[in-house]
Each structure stands twice: as C-alpha cells, then as structure tokens.
Amino acid sequence: MELSGVNKHVLLCNGASCKRKGAEETTKAIRSEIKDQGLSDDIHTTLTLCNGRCQDGPTVVVYPDGDWYKHMTPKLGYKLIQTISQNQKLQECIAYSFNGKKFVSSTEQKKEND
C-alpha cells in the first residue's frame, strides 16, 4: 500500500473484548464508508489486537489527530468517517485526545475548556 497522500490512519481494535462488543461489524462499516466515499487514498485502516482500553470497546484510534474513540458501533463508524474526512472530530465518542503535549481524557478536556 502506497501511503503517500494519506492524511488519516485509523486503527481498528479487534482484540477479544472489542470483538465480543461488535468490533468486526464496526470495522466492516468503517471500511465500507471509506470505500463508498472514495476516501481510500486519504484514509488508511489497520486492524490491531488489544489497544488496552477494553472497557471502552470497541475502540478506534485516529492519527495523526491522536483521538481515541470509545464504544464504536457500525452506525458511529459511518459517522466517524464522514466527520474525520472533513477534519473534524466525533466529539461525543472521544475517550482521549492528544493536546500537543499529552493524552487527556474527555473529562479532563472539558474541565480545561470551562
């Protein structure tokens, strides 16, 4: 796969806990939306094993943004691709974001913004 020109890398957790919570269906939905929207040259996906956030599963991580999305479903997967293709974030599903220095939880981020 030629990665030149790719601007988003989506890591799809398919560890055992996430699989039990629907990760395979979410992965199919995300990859389908990327293909349907003609974004295959812009967004690359990689299946991972456990990302270590089983309580948040299924998880999806988007780089270079550094956003960790939690409790993803096929429906949210479609919405995520539409959102990140416009360089936006699916705020309601973010568990952690990189703020330029460190990862912060969505709770910490809300406190910083208040």
N, C-alpha and C. Protein backbone atom coordinates (compact mmCIF):
# COMPACT_ATOMS: atom_id res chain seq x y z
N MET A 1 0.85 -1.19 0.00
CA MET A 1 0.00 0.00 0.00
C MET A 1 0.88 1.24 0.00
N GLU A 2 0.66 2.10 -0.95
CA GLU A 2 1.36 3.39 -1.02
C GLU A 2 0.67 4.34 -0.04
N LEU A 3 1.43 4.87 0.91
CA LEU A 3 0.84 5.74 1.92
C LEU A 3 1.02 7.23 1.62
N SER A 4 1.76 7.57 0.57
CA SER A 4 1.91 8.97 0.21
C SER A 4 0.54 9.55 -0.11
N GLY A 5 0.23 10.66 0.52
CA GLY A 5 -1.07 11.29 0.29
C GLY A 5 -2.11 10.94 1.34
N VAL A 6 -1.87 9.88 2.11
CA VAL A 6 -2.81 9.51 3.18
C VAL A 6 -2.73 10.57 4.26
N ASN A 7 -3.87 11.04 4.74
CA ASN A 7 -3.83 12.05 5.79
C ASN A 7 -4.43 11.59 7.12
N LYS A 8 -5.05 10.41 7.14
CA LYS A 8 -5.57 9.84 8.38
C LYS A 8 -5.23 8.36 8.42
N HIS A 9 -4.84 7.89 9.59
CA HIS A 9 -4.59 6.47 9.82
C HIS A 9 -5.53 6.04 10.93
N VAL A 10 -6.42 5.12 10.62
CA VAL A 10 -7.44 4.66 11.54
C VAL A 10 -7.08 3.27 12.03
N LEU A 11 -6.87 3.14 13.35
CA LEU A 11 -6.51 1.87 13.97
C LEU A 11 -7.78 1.27 14.58
N LEU A 12 -8.13 0.10 14.11
CA LEU A 12 -9.38 -0.55 14.49
C LEU A 12 -9.10 -1.71 15.43
N CYS A 13 -9.45 -1.57 16.69
CA CYS A 13 -9.18 -2.63 17.65
C CYS A 13 -10.08 -3.83 17.34
N ASN A 14 -9.45 -4.98 17.20
CA ASN A 14 -10.17 -6.23 17.01
C ASN A 14 -9.65 -7.27 18.00
N GLY A 15 -9.32 -6.79 19.21
CA GLY A 15 -8.97 -7.69 20.30
C GLY A 15 -10.21 -8.43 20.76
N ALA A 16 -10.02 -9.42 21.61
CA ALA A 16 -11.13 -10.29 22.02
C ALA A 16 -12.30 -9.53 22.64
N SER A 17 -12.02 -8.60 23.55
CA SER A 17 -13.11 -7.85 24.20
C SER A 17 -13.88 -7.00 23.21
N CYS A 18 -13.15 -6.33 22.33
CA CYS A 18 -13.81 -5.48 21.33
C CYS A 18 -14.62 -6.33 20.35
N LYS A 19 -14.08 -7.48 19.98
CA LYS A 19 -14.81 -8.37 19.06
C LYS A 19 -16.14 -8.80 19.68
N ARG A 20 -16.11 -9.12 20.97
CA ARG A 20 -17.36 -9.52 21.65
C ARG A 20 -18.38 -8.38 21.65
N LYS A 21 -17.90 -7.15 21.52
CA LYS A 21 -18.78 -5.98 21.55
C LYS A 21 -19.10 -5.45 20.15
N GLY A 22 -18.72 -6.21 19.10
CA GLY A 22 -19.11 -5.82 17.75
C GLY A 22 -18.04 -5.17 16.90
N ALA A 23 -16.77 -5.35 17.26
CA ALA A 23 -15.69 -4.70 16.51
C ALA A 23 -15.63 -5.12 15.05
N GLU A 24 -15.91 -6.38 14.76
CA GLU A 24 -15.82 -6.83 13.36
C GLU A 24 -16.85 -6.11 12.50
N GLU A 25 -18.05 -5.94 13.00
CA GLU A 25 -19.10 -5.24 12.25
C GLU A 25 -18.74 -3.76 12.10
N THR A 26 -18.18 -3.19 13.15
CA THR A 26 -17.77 -1.78 13.10
C THR A 26 -16.64 -1.59 12.09
N THR A 27 -15.69 -2.51 12.08
CA THR A 27 -14.59 -2.46 11.11
C THR A 27 -15.13 -2.52 9.69
N LYS A 28 -16.05 -3.43 9.42
CA LYS A 28 -16.65 -3.54 8.08
C LYS A 28 -17.35 -2.25 7.69
N ALA A 29 -18.08 -1.66 8.63
CA ALA A 29 -18.80 -0.42 8.35
C ALA A 29 -17.84 0.72 8.03
N ILE A 30 -16.79 0.84 8.81
CA ILE A 30 -15.81 1.91 8.59
C ILE A 30 -15.13 1.74 7.24
N ARG A 31 -14.68 0.54 6.96
CA ARG A 31 -14.00 0.30 5.68
C ARG A 31 -14.95 0.48 4.50
N SER A 32 -16.20 0.11 4.67
CA SER A 32 -17.20 0.29 3.61
C SER A 32 -17.44 1.78 3.35
N GLU A 33 -17.54 2.56 4.42
CA GLU A 33 -17.78 4.00 4.26
C GLU A 33 -16.59 4.68 3.59
N ILE A 34 -15.38 4.26 3.93
CA ILE A 34 -14.19 4.82 3.29
C ILE A 34 -14.25 4.54 1.79
N LYS A 35 -14.56 3.31 1.44
CA LYS A 35 -14.64 2.93 0.02
C LYS A 35 -15.78 3.68 -0.68
N ASP A 36 -16.96 3.69 -0.06
CA ASP A 36 -18.14 4.33 -0.66
C ASP A 36 -17.94 5.82 -0.89
N GLN A 37 -17.18 6.46 0.00
CA GLN A 37 -16.95 7.90 -0.12
C GLN A 37 -15.73 8.22 -0.99
N GLY A 38 -15.08 7.18 -1.52
CA GLY A 38 -13.90 7.41 -2.37
C GLY A 38 -12.71 7.95 -1.61
N LEU A 39 -12.57 7.53 -0.35
CA LEU A 39 -11.54 8.07 0.52
C LEU A 39 -10.36 7.12 0.73
N SER A 40 -10.27 6.08 -0.06
CA SER A 40 -9.22 5.07 0.13
C SER A 40 -7.81 5.63 -0.01
N ASP A 41 -7.64 6.69 -0.78
CA ASP A 41 -6.32 7.31 -0.93
C ASP A 41 -6.02 8.29 0.22
N ASP A 42 -7.05 8.66 0.98
CA ASP A 42 -6.91 9.64 2.06
C ASP A 42 -6.86 9.01 3.44
N ILE A 43 -7.58 7.90 3.62
CA ILE A 43 -7.70 7.27 4.93
C ILE A 43 -7.26 5.82 4.83
N HIS A 44 -6.27 5.46 5.63
CA HIS A 44 -5.76 4.08 5.68
C HIS A 44 -6.20 3.44 6.99
N THR A 45 -6.62 2.19 6.95
CA THR A 45 -7.02 1.49 8.16
C THR A 45 -6.06 0.34 8.46
N THR A 46 -5.92 0.06 9.74
CA THR A 46 -5.13 -1.06 10.20
C THR A 46 -5.88 -1.76 11.33
N LEU A 47 -6.04 -3.08 11.21
CA LEU A 47 -6.60 -3.86 12.30
C LEU A 47 -5.53 -4.04 13.36
N THR A 48 -5.89 -3.87 14.61
CA THR A 48 -4.96 -4.10 15.71
C THR A 48 -5.53 -5.18 16.61
N LEU A 49 -4.68 -5.70 17.45
CA LEU A 49 -5.16 -6.54 18.53
C LEU A 49 -5.49 -5.60 19.68
N CYS A 50 -5.44 -6.04 20.87
CA CYS A 50 -5.89 -5.24 22.01
C CYS A 50 -5.15 -3.90 22.11
N ASN A 51 -5.92 -2.83 22.21
CA ASN A 51 -5.37 -1.49 22.41
C ASN A 51 -5.33 -1.12 23.89
N GLY A 52 -5.77 -2.04 24.75
CA GLY A 52 -5.67 -1.82 26.19
C GLY A 52 -6.78 -0.99 26.82
N ARG A 53 -7.82 -0.72 26.07
CA ARG A 53 -8.94 0.06 26.60
C ARG A 53 -10.23 -0.76 26.48
N CYS A 54 -10.18 -1.99 26.98
CA CYS A 54 -11.30 -2.93 26.82
C CYS A 54 -12.62 -2.37 27.33
N GLN A 55 -12.58 -1.61 28.41
CA GLN A 55 -13.81 -1.03 28.97
C GLN A 55 -14.45 -0.02 28.02
N ASP A 56 -13.68 0.50 27.08
CA ASP A 56 -14.19 1.49 26.12
C ASP A 56 -14.56 0.87 24.78
N GLY A 57 -14.39 -0.43 24.64
CA GLY A 57 -14.52 -1.08 23.34
C GLY A 57 -15.90 -1.09 22.74
N PRO A 58 -15.92 -1.25 21.44
CA PRO A 58 -14.80 -1.24 20.51
C PRO A 58 -14.18 0.16 20.40
N THR A 59 -12.85 0.15 20.34
CA THR A 59 -12.12 1.41 20.22
C THR A 59 -11.58 1.60 18.81
N VAL A 60 -11.50 2.86 18.43
CA VAL A 60 -10.93 3.27 17.14
C VAL A 60 -10.02 4.45 17.43
N VAL A 61 -8.79 4.38 16.93
CA VAL A 61 -7.82 5.45 17.16
C VAL A 61 -7.51 6.11 15.82
N VAL A 62 -7.54 7.44 15.78
CA VAL A 62 -7.29 8.17 14.55
C VAL A 62 -6.01 9.00 14.71
N TYR A 63 -5.08 8.75 13.80
CA TYR A 63 -3.84 9.52 13.74
C TYR A 63 -3.76 10.23 12.42
N PRO A 64 -3.11 11.39 12.34
CA PRO A 64 -2.24 11.98 13.35
C PRO A 64 -2.97 12.77 14.43
N ASP A 65 -4.28 12.76 14.43
CA ASP A 65 -5.05 13.54 15.41
C ASP A 65 -4.77 13.12 16.85
N GLY A 66 -4.54 11.82 17.05
CA GLY A 66 -4.33 11.33 18.41
C GLY A 66 -5.62 11.20 19.18
N ASP A 67 -6.72 10.93 18.49
CA ASP A 67 -8.02 10.78 19.14
C ASP A 67 -8.37 9.31 19.30
N TRP A 68 -8.78 8.95 20.51
CA TRP A 68 -9.21 7.59 20.83
C TRP A 68 -10.73 7.63 21.00
N TYR A 69 -11.43 6.91 20.15
CA TYR A 69 -12.89 6.87 20.18
C TYR A 69 -13.36 5.60 20.89
N LYS A 70 -14.41 5.74 21.69
CA LYS A 70 -14.90 4.62 22.50
C LYS A 70 -16.32 4.21 22.09
N HIS A 71 -16.63 2.97 22.45
CA HIS A 71 -17.97 2.40 22.26
C HIS A 71 -18.48 2.57 20.83
N MET A 72 -17.61 2.29 19.88
CA MET A 72 -17.97 2.46 18.48
C MET A 72 -18.92 1.35 18.01
N THR A 73 -19.82 1.73 17.14
CA THR A 73 -20.79 0.83 16.52
C THR A 73 -20.69 1.04 15.01
N PRO A 74 -21.31 0.17 14.22
CA PRO A 74 -21.30 0.43 12.78
C PRO A 74 -21.86 1.81 12.43
N LYS A 75 -22.95 2.19 13.06
CA LYS A 75 -23.57 3.50 12.77
C LYS A 75 -22.61 4.64 13.12
N LEU A 76 -21.96 4.55 14.27
CA LEU A 76 -20.99 5.58 14.66
C LEU A 76 -19.76 5.53 13.78
N GLY A 77 -19.40 4.34 13.29
CA GLY A 77 -18.28 4.21 12.36
C GLY A 77 -18.50 4.98 11.08
N TYR A 78 -19.71 4.86 10.52
CA TYR A 78 -20.05 5.64 9.32
C TYR A 78 -19.92 7.13 9.62
N LYS A 79 -20.47 7.53 10.75
CA LYS A 79 -20.44 8.95 11.13
C LYS A 79 -19.01 9.43 11.36
N LEU A 80 -18.18 8.58 11.96
CA LEU A 80 -16.78 8.94 12.21
C LEU A 80 -16.05 9.24 10.91
N ILE A 81 -16.21 8.39 9.92
CA ILE A 81 -15.52 8.59 8.65
C ILE A 81 -16.00 9.88 7.98
N GLN A 82 -17.28 10.13 8.01
CA GLN A 82 -17.80 11.38 7.44
C GLN A 82 -17.22 12.59 8.17
N THR A 83 -17.09 12.47 9.48
CA THR A 83 -16.59 13.57 10.30
C THR A 83 -15.10 13.80 10.08
N ILE A 84 -14.28 12.74 10.18
CA ILE A 84 -12.83 12.95 10.06
C ILE A 84 -12.42 13.30 8.64
N SER A 85 -13.22 12.92 7.65
CA SER A 85 -12.89 13.30 6.27
C SER A 85 -13.02 14.81 6.07
N GLN A 86 -13.73 15.47 6.98
CA GLN A 86 -13.88 16.92 6.95
C GLN A 86 -12.97 17.59 7.99
N ASN A 87 -11.98 16.82 8.48
CA ASN A 87 -11.05 17.30 9.50
C ASN A 87 -11.74 17.79 10.76
N GLN A 88 -12.79 17.08 11.13
CA GLN A 88 -13.50 17.37 12.37
C GLN A 88 -13.41 16.15 13.27
N LYS A 89 -13.92 16.28 14.48
CA LYS A 89 -13.89 15.20 15.46
C LYS A 89 -15.30 14.78 15.82
N LEU A 90 -15.48 13.52 16.11
CA LEU A 90 -16.76 13.00 16.57
C LEU A 90 -16.75 13.12 18.10
N GLN A 91 -16.97 14.34 18.57
CA GLN A 91 -16.77 14.70 19.97
C GLN A 91 -17.46 13.76 20.96
N GLU A 92 -18.68 13.34 20.66
CA GLU A 92 -19.45 12.56 21.62
C GLU A 92 -18.87 11.17 21.90
N CYS A 93 -17.92 10.75 21.08
CA CYS A 93 -17.33 9.41 21.24
C CYS A 93 -15.87 9.44 21.67
N ILE A 94 -15.30 10.61 21.86
CA ILE A 94 -13.87 10.68 22.21
C ILE A 94 -13.66 10.28 23.67
N ALA A 95 -12.74 9.34 23.85
CA ALA A 95 -12.32 8.95 25.20
C ALA A 95 -11.07 9.73 25.60
N TYR A 96 -10.11 9.85 24.66
CA TYR A 96 -8.86 10.56 24.89
C TYR A 96 -8.46 11.31 23.63
N SER A 97 -7.82 12.46 23.84
CA SER A 97 -7.27 13.25 22.73
C SER A 97 -5.87 13.70 23.11
N PHE A 98 -5.05 13.85 22.09
CA PHE A 98 -3.70 14.38 22.30
C PHE A 98 -3.78 15.89 22.18
N ASN A 99 -3.34 16.60 23.21
CA ASN A 99 -3.46 18.06 23.22
C ASN A 99 -2.18 18.77 22.77
N GLY A 100 -1.26 18.02 22.18
CA GLY A 100 0.01 18.60 21.75
C GLY A 100 1.15 18.29 22.69
N LYS A 101 0.80 17.91 23.92
CA LYS A 101 1.81 17.56 24.93
C LYS A 101 1.57 16.19 25.52
N LYS A 102 0.30 15.85 25.74
CA LYS A 102 -0.05 14.59 26.38
C LYS A 102 -1.48 14.20 26.01
N PHE A 103 -1.82 12.94 26.29
CA PHE A 103 -3.20 12.50 26.10
C PHE A 103 -4.02 12.93 27.30
N VAL A 104 -5.19 13.45 27.04
CA VAL A 104 -6.11 13.85 28.11
C VAL A 104 -7.45 13.19 27.86
N SER A 105 -8.11 12.82 28.96
CA SER A 105 -9.43 12.21 28.83
C SER A 105 -10.44 13.27 28.43
N SER A 106 -11.56 12.83 27.92
CA SER A 106 -12.61 13.77 27.53
C SER A 106 -13.09 14.56 28.74
N THR A 107 -13.08 13.95 29.92
CA THR A 107 -13.47 14.65 31.15
C THR A 107 -12.47 15.75 31.47
N GLU A 108 -11.17 15.44 31.39
CA GLU A 108 -10.14 16.45 31.64
C GLU A 108 -10.22 17.59 30.63
N GLN A 109 -10.48 17.22 29.38
CA GLN A 109 -10.55 18.22 28.32
C GLN A 109 -11.71 19.19 28.56
N LYS A 110 -12.86 18.67 29.02
CA LYS A 110 -14.00 19.53 29.33
C LYS A 110 -13.65 20.51 30.45
N LYS A 111 -12.93 20.03 31.46
CA LYS A 111 -12.53 20.90 32.58
C LYS A 111 -11.60 22.00 32.08
N GLU A 112 -10.66 21.65 31.18
CA GLU A 112 -9.72 22.65 30.64
C GLU A 112 -10.45 23.70 29.83
N ASN A 113 -11.53 23.31 29.14
CA ASN A 113 -12.26 24.24 28.27
C ASN A 113 -13.25 25.10 29.04
N ASP A 114 -13.57 24.73 30.28
CA ASP A 114 -14.54 25.51 31.08
C ASP A 114 -13.89 26.68 31.76
